[in-house]
C-alpha cells in the first residue's frame, strides 16, 4: 500500500515526532509507515486522516499486489 503521509506532513510543516504525538504512536511507527514497511490499523488511518483534514483515500492507496 502506498501512502502520502510524508507529503501531508510537509503541507502542515510537521515533524514525524509531532505527528506521532498527535496520533498516539511512536515516531518509529510514522517512519515505518512512510517507508511502506507498516500498514496502519483502521483506527490509526482514521486518526491520520482527521489530523490532516483529508479523506483516508487521499493518504492511502492500494497497489495491485495488495489484492493478492
Protein backbone atom coordinates (compact mmCIF):
# COMPACT_ATOMS: atom_id res chain seq x y z
CA UNK A 1 0.00 0.00 0.00
CA UNK A 2 1.31 3.40 -0.98
CA UNK A 3 0.80 6.44 1.20
CA UNK A 4 1.32 10.18 1.12
CA UNK A 5 1.97 10.69 4.83
CA UNK A 6 5.27 12.47 4.20
CA UNK A 7 3.62 14.84 1.72
CA UNK A 8 0.72 15.56 4.07
CA UNK A 9 3.17 16.18 6.92
CA UNK A 10 5.09 18.63 4.76
CA UNK A 11 1.90 20.53 3.92
CA UNK A 12 1.34 21.03 7.65
CA UNK A 13 5.05 21.70 8.34
CA UNK A 14 5.01 18.86 10.87
CA UNK A 15 7.81 16.55 12.01
CA UNK A 16 7.43 12.81 12.39
CA UNK A 17 7.62 13.28 16.16
CA UNK A 18 4.84 15.88 16.16
CA UNK A 19 2.59 13.68 14.05
CA UNK A 20 3.35 10.68 16.22
CA UNK A 21 2.37 12.58 19.36
CA UNK A 22 -0.93 13.73 17.83
CA UNK A 23 -1.71 10.20 16.59
CA UNK A 24 -0.66 8.50 19.83
CA UNK A 25 2.07 6.34 18.27
CA UNK A 26 5.87 6.35 18.21
CA UNK A 27 7.96 8.31 15.73
CA UNK A 28 9.28 4.95 14.54
CA UNK A 29 5.73 3.92 13.59
CA UNK A 30 5.33 7.05 11.48
CA UNK A 31 8.72 6.41 9.87
CA UNK A 32 7.81 2.78 9.10
CA UNK A 33 4.53 3.85 7.50
CA UNK A 34 6.26 6.49 5.38
CA UNK A 35 8.72 3.84 4.17
CA UNK A 36 5.87 1.45 3.33
CA UNK A 37 7.05 -1.08 5.90
CA UNK A 38 3.96 -0.84 8.12
CA UNK A 39 0.27 -0.71 7.26
CA UNK A 40 -1.71 1.12 9.93
CA UNK A 41 -4.81 -0.13 11.70
CA UNK A 42 -8.12 1.31 10.59
CA UNK A 43 -8.22 3.45 13.72
CA UNK A 44 -4.76 4.88 13.08
CA UNK A 45 -5.62 5.56 9.42
CA UNK A 46 -8.75 7.43 10.54
CA UNK A 47 -6.72 9.43 13.08
CA UNK A 48 -4.21 10.44 10.41
CA UNK A 49 -6.98 11.47 8.02
CA UNK A 50 -8.51 13.58 10.78
CA UNK A 51 -5.18 15.19 11.68
CA UNK A 52 -4.50 16.03 8.02
CA UNK A 53 -8.16 17.02 7.42
CA UNK A 54 -8.42 14.82 4.31
CA UNK A 55 -10.17 11.62 3.29
CA UNK A 56 -8.36 8.34 4.00
CA UNK A 57 -8.22 7.65 0.26
CA UNK A 58 -6.09 10.78 -0.17
CA UNK A 59 -3.45 9.29 2.12
CA UNK A 60 -3.55 5.55 1.47
CA UNK A 61 -3.65 3.95 -1.99
CA UNK A 62 -3.98 0.23 -2.59
CA UNK A 63 -1.50 -1.27 -5.02
CA UNK A 64 -2.18 -4.20 -7.34
CA UNK A 65 -0.20 -6.55 -5.08
CA UNK A 66 -2.46 -5.68 -2.13
CA UNK A 67 -5.25 -7.65 -3.84
CA UNK A 68 -3.24 -10.89 -3.99
